[in-house]
Protein backbone atom coordinates (compact mmCIF):
# COMPACT_ATOMS: atom_id res chain seq x y z
CA MET A 1 -20.88 21.14 8.73
CA ASN A 2 -21.63 24.18 6.57
CA TYR A 3 -18.44 25.04 4.73
CA HIS A 4 -17.61 27.73 2.23
CA VAL A 5 -16.26 26.00 -0.90
CA HIS A 6 -13.50 27.70 -2.91
CA PHE A 7 -12.03 26.58 -6.24
CA LEU A 8 -8.36 27.48 -6.56
CA ASP A 9 -6.89 27.48 -10.07
CA GLN A 10 -4.69 30.59 -9.86
CA GLN A 11 -1.19 30.44 -8.37
CA GLU A 12 -1.43 33.70 -6.43
CA ALA A 13 -4.72 32.83 -4.71
CA PHE A 14 -3.47 29.34 -3.98
CA ASP A 15 -0.24 30.59 -2.40
CA LYS A 16 -2.07 33.09 -0.20
CA THR A 17 -4.58 30.48 0.97
CA MET A 18 -1.93 27.90 1.82
CA LEU A 19 0.15 30.48 3.69
CA ASP A 20 -2.94 31.34 5.75
CA LEU A 21 -3.50 27.65 6.50
CA ALA A 22 0.07 27.37 7.79
CA GLN A 23 -1.27 28.79 11.06
CA ALA A 24 -4.06 26.20 11.35
CA PRO A 25 -3.81 23.44 13.98
CA TRP A 26 -5.22 20.87 11.54
CA ILE A 27 -6.36 20.24 7.98
CA GLY A 28 -8.09 17.34 6.29
CA PHE A 29 -7.32 16.47 2.71
CA ASP A 30 -7.84 13.99 -0.12
CA THR A 31 -6.56 13.69 -3.68
CA GLU A 32 -8.06 12.70 -7.00
CA PHE A 33 -5.76 11.24 -9.62
CA VAL A 34 -5.82 9.21 -12.82
CA GLY A 35 -3.46 6.25 -12.91
CA GLU A 36 -4.69 4.02 -15.74
CA LYS A 37 -2.91 5.71 -18.65
CA THR A 38 0.53 6.77 -17.38
CA TYR A 39 3.49 5.23 -15.56
CA ILE A 40 3.13 7.69 -12.69
CA PRO A 41 -0.48 8.71 -11.89
CA VAL A 42 -1.56 12.23 -12.83
CA LEU A 43 -2.58 14.30 -9.81
CA CYS A 44 -5.71 16.19 -10.89
CA LEU A 45 -7.30 17.65 -7.76
CA ILE A 46 -6.56 18.16 -4.08
CA GLN A 47 -9.40 18.78 -1.63
CA VAL A 48 -8.51 20.51 1.64
CA VAL A 49 -10.89 21.09 4.54
CA ALA A 50 -10.10 23.60 7.28
CA GLU A 51 -12.18 25.10 10.08
CA LYS A 52 -14.89 26.78 7.99
CA ASP A 53 -13.73 26.29 4.42
CA ILE A 54 -13.14 23.64 1.78
CA TYR A 55 -10.61 24.33 -0.96
CA LEU A 56 -10.61 22.48 -4.28
CA ILE A 57 -7.13 22.85 -5.78
CA ASP A 58 -6.84 22.38 -9.53
CA THR A 59 -3.41 20.76 -9.71
CA LEU A 60 -3.48 20.82 -13.52
CA GLN A 61 -3.46 24.63 -13.34
CA ILE A 62 -1.33 25.26 -10.24
CA ASN A 63 2.29 24.77 -11.26
CA ASP A 64 3.90 25.08 -7.84
CA LEU A 65 2.31 23.12 -4.96
CA GLY A 66 5.14 23.98 -2.58
CA HIS A 67 3.01 25.76 0.03
CA PHE A 68 0.58 22.84 0.27
CA LEU A 69 3.44 20.35 0.53
CA SER A 70 4.82 22.42 3.40
CA LEU A 71 1.55 21.87 5.26
CA VAL A 72 1.86 18.12 4.71
CA SER A 73 5.39 18.00 6.14
CA ASN A 74 4.71 20.48 8.97
CA PRO A 75 4.71 18.58 12.32
CA ASP A 76 2.68 21.34 13.98
CA ILE A 77 -0.34 20.75 11.73
CA LEU A 78 -2.42 17.59 12.12
CA LYS A 79 -3.33 16.00 8.77
CA ILE A 80 -6.61 14.06 8.70
CA THR A 81 -7.16 11.58 5.87
CA HIS A 82 -9.04 8.43 4.99
CA ALA A 83 -6.88 5.67 3.45
CA GLY A 84 -4.17 8.30 3.27
CA ASP A 85 -1.38 5.90 2.34
CA ASN A 86 -2.35 6.21 -1.34
CA ASP A 87 -2.30 10.01 -1.15
CA TYR A 88 1.00 10.13 0.70
CA ARG A 89 2.65 7.62 -1.64
CA LEU A 90 1.64 9.70 -4.66
CA LEU A 91 2.85 12.95 -3.09
CA ASN A 92 6.13 11.29 -2.18
CA THR A 93 6.57 9.91 -5.70
CA LEU A 94 5.82 13.25 -7.34
CA TYR A 95 7.39 15.67 -4.86
CA ASP A 96 9.54 13.62 -2.47
CA VAL A 97 7.53 14.88 0.52
CA VAL A 98 7.29 12.90 3.77
CA PRO A 99 4.24 13.72 5.94
CA GLN A 100 4.34 14.45 9.64
CA ASN A 101 1.62 14.42 12.32
CA THR A 102 -0.96 12.22 10.58
CA PHE A 103 -4.33 10.79 11.59
CA ASP A 104 -6.19 8.36 9.38
CA THR A 105 -9.87 7.60 9.90
CA GLN A 106 -9.57 4.17 8.27
CA ILE A 107 -6.81 3.15 10.67
CA ALA A 108 -8.63 4.63 13.66
CA ALA A 109 -11.80 2.75 12.71
CA GLY A 110 -9.84 -0.53 12.67
CA PHE A 111 -9.10 0.00 16.38
CA VAL A 112 -12.72 0.60 17.41
CA GLY A 113 -14.58 -2.33 15.91
CA TYR A 114 -14.56 -1.87 12.13
CA ASN A 115 -13.09 -4.35 9.69
CA TYR A 116 -9.92 -3.04 8.07
CA PRO A 117 -9.92 -1.52 5.56
CA ALA A 118 -13.42 -0.06 5.99
CA GLY A 119 -14.78 2.25 3.31
CA PHE A 120 -15.29 5.94 3.97
CA ALA A 121 -19.03 5.85 3.21
CA LYS A 122 -19.60 3.02 5.67
CA ILE A 123 -17.84 4.80 8.54
CA VAL A 124 -19.59 8.10 7.80
CA ASP A 125 -22.94 6.32 7.76
CA ARG A 126 -22.40 4.53 11.07
CA GLU A 127 -20.68 7.34 12.93
CA LEU A 128 -22.47 10.42 11.56
CA SER A 129 -25.72 8.96 10.17
CA VAL A 130 -24.99 10.45 6.74
CA THR A 131 -25.43 8.53 3.49
CA LEU A 132 -22.89 9.47 0.83
CA ALA A 133 -23.51 9.34 -2.91
CA LYS A 134 -20.64 7.54 -4.65
CA SER A 135 -21.72 7.91 -8.26
CA HIS A 136 -18.57 9.79 -9.32
CA THR A 137 -15.83 7.65 -7.83
CA VAL A 138 -14.56 6.94 -11.36
CA ALA A 139 -15.01 10.45 -12.74
CA ASN A 140 -12.64 11.71 -15.41
CA TRP A 141 -10.65 14.04 -13.19
CA GLU A 142 -8.44 15.17 -16.07
CA ALA A 143 -11.40 16.67 -17.95
CA ARG A 144 -11.81 20.43 -17.79
CA PRO A 145 -14.16 21.90 -16.81
CA ILE A 146 -14.74 19.34 -14.07
CA ASP A 147 -18.29 17.96 -13.89
CA PRO A 148 -20.11 19.91 -11.12
CA LYS A 149 -21.50 16.65 -9.74
CA ALA A 150 -17.98 15.26 -9.52
CA LEU A 151 -16.95 18.37 -7.58
CA ASP A 152 -19.82 17.74 -5.16
CA TYR A 153 -18.45 14.24 -4.63
CA ALA A 154 -14.96 15.69 -4.10
CA VAL A 155 -16.33 18.00 -1.42
CA GLU A 156 -18.04 15.10 0.36
CA ASP A 157 -14.73 13.23 0.47
CA VAL A 158 -13.31 15.78 2.92
CA LYS A 159 -16.39 17.43 4.39
CA TYR A 160 -16.85 14.79 7.08
CA LEU A 161 -13.21 14.21 8.00
CA PRO A 162 -13.17 16.66 10.96
CA ALA A 163 -16.33 15.18 12.53
CA LEU A 164 -15.02 11.65 12.02
CA HIS A 165 -11.72 12.59 13.62
CA HIS A 166 -13.59 13.91 16.64
CA LYS A 167 -15.83 10.86 17.07
CA LEU A 168 -13.16 8.26 16.44
CA THR A 169 -10.70 10.03 18.75
CA GLN A 170 -13.29 9.91 21.51
CA LYS A 171 -13.70 6.17 21.02
CA LEU A 172 -9.95 5.61 20.90
CA ARG A 173 -9.54 7.58 24.12
CA ARG A 174 -12.29 5.61 25.82
CA LEU A 175 -10.58 2.35 24.86
CA LYS A 176 -7.10 3.72 25.71
CA ARG A 177 -5.96 3.13 22.13
CA GLU A 178 -4.97 6.62 21.00
CA SER A 179 -1.29 5.70 21.25
CA TRP A 180 -1.94 2.53 19.22
CA ALA A 181 -3.48 4.47 16.34
CA ARG A 182 -0.69 7.04 16.58
CA GLU A 183 1.94 4.30 16.38
CA GLU A 184 0.30 2.86 13.29
CA ASN A 185 0.15 6.26 11.57
CA GLN A 186 3.78 7.00 12.32
CA LYS A 187 4.97 4.45 9.76
CA TRP A 188 3.85 6.93 7.09
CA GLU A 189 6.09 9.59 8.62
CA SER A 190 9.35 7.82 7.74
CA GLU A 191 11.16 8.01 4.42
CA ALA A 192 11.74 4.25 4.58
CA PHE A 193 7.99 3.65 4.14
CA TYR A 194 8.17 5.00 0.58
CA PHE A 195 11.14 2.94 -0.59
CA GLN A 196 10.27 0.77 -3.58
CA ASP A 197 12.54 -2.21 -4.25
CA PRO A 198 13.23 -2.10 -8.01
CA TYR A 199 13.23 -5.92 -8.00
CA LYS A 200 9.94 -6.27 -6.13
CA ASP A 201 8.33 -7.93 -9.15
CA VAL A 202 10.95 -10.69 -9.08
CA LEU A 203 10.68 -11.19 -5.33
CA THR A 204 6.92 -11.67 -5.51
CA ASN A 205 7.06 -14.09 -8.46
CA ASP A 206 7.46 -17.72 -7.37
CA TYR A 207 8.35 -18.52 -10.98
CA VAL A 208 11.94 -17.36 -10.26
CA HIS A 209 12.58 -20.49 -8.17
CA GLN A 210 11.88 -22.72 -11.16
CA LEU A 211 14.70 -21.21 -13.24
CA ASP A 212 18.39 -21.87 -13.63
CA PHE A 213 20.92 -19.10 -13.00
CA ARG A 214 20.98 -17.71 -16.53
CA GLU A 215 17.19 -17.68 -16.72
CA LYS A 216 17.00 -15.87 -13.37
CA VAL A 217 19.30 -13.18 -14.72
CA PHE A 218 17.08 -12.87 -17.78
CA LEU A 219 13.93 -12.59 -15.64
CA LEU A 220 15.61 -9.86 -13.61
CA ARG A 221 16.44 -7.99 -16.81
CA ILE A 222 12.98 -8.40 -18.35
CA TYR A 223 11.33 -6.78 -15.34
CA GLN A 224 13.91 -3.98 -15.34
CA TRP A 225 13.52 -3.51 -19.11
CA ARG A 226 9.73 -3.30 -18.77
CA ARG A 227 9.97 -0.77 -15.97
CA GLU A 228 12.40 1.46 -17.87
CA LYS A 229 10.38 1.18 -21.09
CA ALA A 230 7.20 2.17 -19.24
CA MET A 231 8.95 5.16 -17.68
CA THR A 232 10.28 6.27 -21.06
CA LEU A 233 6.92 5.91 -22.79
CA ASN A 234 5.02 7.14 -19.70
CA ILE A 235 2.57 4.27 -19.83
CA PRO A 236 1.69 1.57 -17.26
CA LYS A 237 4.02 -1.45 -17.15
CA GLU A 238 1.17 -3.68 -18.31
CA GLY A 239 0.91 -1.50 -21.41
CA VAL A 240 4.46 -2.53 -22.35
CA LEU A 241 4.25 -6.22 -21.52
CA GLN A 242 1.49 -7.93 -19.56
CA ASN A 243 2.45 -10.08 -16.60
CA ARG A 244 0.77 -13.10 -18.14
CA HIS A 245 3.17 -12.96 -21.11
CA ILE A 246 6.43 -12.86 -19.14
CA SER A 247 6.73 -16.65 -18.87
CA THR A 248 6.27 -16.86 -22.65
CA VAL A 249 9.06 -14.34 -23.18
CA MET A 250 11.25 -16.38 -20.84
CA ARG A 251 10.70 -19.61 -22.77
CA ALA A 252 10.59 -18.36 -26.35
CA THR A 253 13.21 -15.60 -26.61
CA LYS A 254 16.19 -17.95 -26.99
CA GLY A 255 14.30 -19.84 -29.71
CA GLY A 256 13.72 -16.78 -31.90
CA PRO A 257 10.67 -15.93 -34.07
CA ASN A 258 9.65 -19.55 -34.66
CA ALA A 259 9.26 -20.15 -30.92
CA PHE A 260 6.88 -17.19 -30.69
CA LYS A 261 4.97 -18.19 -33.82
CA SER A 262 4.14 -21.53 -32.23
CA ASN A 263 2.72 -19.79 -29.15
CA ARG A 264 -0.56 -18.12 -29.97
CA THR A 265 -1.01 -16.50 -26.54
CA MET A 266 1.52 -13.74 -27.27
CA PRO A 267 0.34 -10.93 -29.60
CA GLU A 268 2.55 -10.90 -32.69
CA ASN A 269 2.91 -7.13 -32.75
CA ILE A 270 4.47 -7.23 -29.28
CA TRP A 271 7.12 -9.89 -29.82
CA ARG A 272 8.08 -8.63 -33.27
CA LYS A 273 8.55 -5.13 -31.83
CA TYR A 274 10.74 -6.17 -28.91
CA LEU A 275 12.31 -9.55 -29.78
CA ALA A 276 15.70 -8.06 -30.74
CA GLU A 277 15.91 -6.24 -27.40
CA TRP A 278 14.96 -9.38 -25.47
CA GLN A 279 17.55 -11.46 -27.29
CA GLU A 280 20.22 -8.92 -26.45
CA LEU A 281 19.22 -9.14 -22.77
CA TRP A 282 19.35 -12.93 -22.94
CA GLN A 283 22.80 -13.09 -24.49
CA ALA A 284 24.61 -10.56 -22.28
CA LYS A 285 26.77 -11.98 -19.49
CA ALA A 286 25.66 -11.59 -15.88
CA THR A 287 27.01 -8.51 -14.12
CA ASP A 288 28.56 -8.54 -10.65
CA ALA A 289 25.53 -6.63 -9.35
CA GLU A 290 23.14 -9.25 -10.75
CA ARG A 291 25.20 -12.08 -9.29
CA THR A 292 25.23 -10.39 -5.89
CA TRP A 293 21.48 -9.79 -5.87
CA LEU A 294 20.62 -13.32 -6.97
CA SER A 295 22.98 -14.85 -4.41
CA ALA A 296 20.94 -13.09 -1.71
CA LEU A 297 17.57 -14.20 -3.14
CA PRO A 298 15.72 -16.09 -0.39
CA ALA A 299 15.29 -19.77 -1.09
CA PRO A 300 11.72 -21.06 -1.29
CA ALA A 301 10.40 -22.39 2.00
CA PRO A 302 10.53 -26.20 2.13
CA ASP A 303 7.22 -28.02 2.35
CA ASP A 304 6.48 -28.64 6.01
CA PRO A 305 2.75 -29.37 6.50
CA ASP A 306 3.09 -29.68 10.27
CA GLN A 307 4.80 -26.32 10.66
CA GLU A 308 2.35 -24.67 8.24
CA TRP A 309 -0.59 -26.07 10.23
CA SER A 310 0.97 -24.82 13.46
CA MET A 311 1.41 -21.29 12.13
CA GLU A 312 -2.13 -21.19 10.77
CA LEU A 313 -3.40 -22.32 14.17
CA LEU A 314 -1.45 -19.54 15.88
CA TYR A 315 -2.86 -17.01 13.43
CA HIS A 316 -6.37 -18.07 14.39
CA PHE A 317 -5.48 -17.40 18.01
CA VAL A 318 -4.37 -13.94 16.94
CA LYS A 319 -7.68 -13.41 15.12
CA LYS A 320 -9.64 -14.58 18.16
CA GLN A 321 -7.82 -12.07 20.34
CA CYS A 322 -8.68 -9.38 17.80
CA LEU A 323 -12.34 -10.40 17.82
CA ASP A 324 -12.45 -10.24 21.61
CA GLN A 325 -10.90 -6.77 21.58
CA GLU A 326 -12.89 -5.51 18.57
CA ILE A 327 -9.78 -4.79 16.52
CA SER A 328 -9.44 -5.77 12.87
CA ALA A 329 -7.06 -8.70 12.43
CA ALA A 330 -6.17 -7.32 8.99
CA LEU A 331 -4.86 -4.20 10.72
CA LEU A 332 -2.89 -6.13 13.32
CA LEU A 333 -1.20 -8.62 10.99
CA PRO A 334 -2.25 -8.52 7.33
CA LYS A 335 -2.45 -11.95 5.73
CA GLY A 336 0.33 -11.12 3.27
CA ASP A 337 2.71 -10.24 6.10
CA PHE A 338 1.65 -13.32 8.04
CA ASN A 339 2.44 -15.50 5.02
CA LYS A 340 5.96 -14.05 4.94
CA LEU A 341 6.35 -14.94 8.61
CA LYS A 342 4.88 -18.41 8.12
CA ASN A 343 7.21 -19.16 5.20
CA GLY A 344 10.31 -17.83 6.92
CA ASN A 345 10.65 -15.03 4.35
CA ASP A 346 13.58 -12.74 5.18
CA ALA A 347 11.46 -9.78 4.04
CA PHE A 348 9.13 -10.12 7.05
CA ASP A 349 9.20 -6.98 9.18
CA PHE A 350 9.60 -8.16 12.78
CA SER A 351 8.57 -4.74 14.06
CA LEU A 352 5.04 -6.03 13.31
CA LEU A 353 5.41 -8.22 16.42
CA SER A 354 6.19 -5.31 18.75
CA GLY A 355 4.54 -2.16 20.04
CA TRP A 356 0.76 -2.15 20.31
CA ARG A 357 0.54 -5.55 18.64
CA ALA A 358 2.65 -7.19 21.34
CA GLU A 359 0.59 -5.42 23.98
CA LEU A 360 -2.64 -6.72 22.49
CA ILE A 361 -1.84 -10.38 21.83
CA GLY A 362 0.52 -11.03 24.71
CA ALA A 363 4.14 -12.03 25.20
CA GLN A 364 3.63 -15.81 24.92
CA LEU A 365 1.80 -15.73 21.60
CA ILE A 366 4.30 -13.21 20.24
CA GLU A 367 7.14 -15.55 21.23
CA TRP A 368 5.40 -18.51 19.58
CA LEU A 369 5.02 -16.52 16.37
CA ARG A 370 8.65 -15.42 16.47
CA GLN A 371 9.93 -18.96 17.03
CA ARG A 372 7.79 -20.46 14.25
CA GLY A 373 7.90 -23.84 15.93
CA SER A 374 5.39 -26.68 15.83
CA VAL A 375 2.37 -26.78 18.09
CA GLN A 376 1.92 -30.10 19.87
CA VAL A 377 -1.72 -30.84 20.67
CA GLU A 378 -2.72 -33.44 23.27
CA TRP A 379 -6.03 -34.40 24.83
CA GLN A 380 -5.77 -34.90 28.59
CA ASP A 381 -8.85 -35.78 30.62
CA GLY A 382 -11.16 -34.17 28.11
CA GLN A 383 -9.04 -30.99 27.85
CA CYS A 384 -6.98 -29.79 24.90
CA VAL A 385 -3.38 -29.01 25.89
CA MET A 386 -1.04 -27.27 23.46
CA ARG A 387 2.72 -26.85 23.67
CA MET A 388 5.23 -25.20 21.37
CA THR A 389 8.07 -27.52 20.35
CA GLU A 390 11.01 -27.60 17.94
CA SER A 391 12.05 -23.98 17.76
CA ARG A 392 13.05 -23.24 14.16
CA VAL A 393 14.75 -19.95 14.84
CA PRO A 394 18.17 -19.95 16.53
């Protein structure tokens, strides 16, 4: 694992290097970015590992990353990452690139006995017997010159990717799970993966179900206003209006300044600055587009303790199957996705009950999960007998 390390901060040298790598069968890469101060994170550094070399790309100096992005989208070049979804999402946001031919060590580890998501240092330690120093995980990557110790950390983040790929691939092959890991990585290779619903904040806020129609329209507009304001100012959405203050805005805007004065949780400089804009949003009539979107808003799931208990029981059967097969349950069916299924949320992606998942947990359990019925439990001669009843899906 002795690599030559090169720092690339000149466009000509960068272009030549990336063109040379276009002939490589694989690369590993990672990114360093700062996301606390701006609406879209600032990409500060890209680390690329190839056969004998590691390249540190100063993205604050290189104006055109086109040749690197071509490597990412080239299906003939394998891309090795760890927790690569964050890197790919950022590259897609900044440059509209969709990766092809991906392998992620975090995903692969989830198929061979690690909890998902397992940290890079933990997997490197267990698979390669190397202890990584993580003292610069929160380095100021925008600072120039970059701290030499931070650069050492950046090198370590890609240095072990090739060896990990080799070891984890061997384990996947032994367990006949290469195709499973490949299937899981392929979701990153579709443009649909990077779609962001502009109304996601509303969909994930149960508060919307407590409002009347006009208030729902206002909530929709407040989230949209915050997003657009953050984009314009290039600051995080929380820097415009914190989530914890949105309910206050909802209640107090129609009452004017006095309503805000009586609520000491909202900073005065915020409501005085934006109250006129909020009142304008409150008073405007609902548009056809807003009416259409709200008419399609899923209704909250009715309370059904028996059905909720049944689904939780089924999920524990799924987890037991994962334990037996040494696969992370969080990789198979993340709790957030399971909750969508349990609650009958229309946003649940039923492709999560197909492919390698269906192969692992079996047709009967998959069908039970799809039907979302109740589980009837009976004790017969000292044995526990379970049956699925009352299908809730036509």
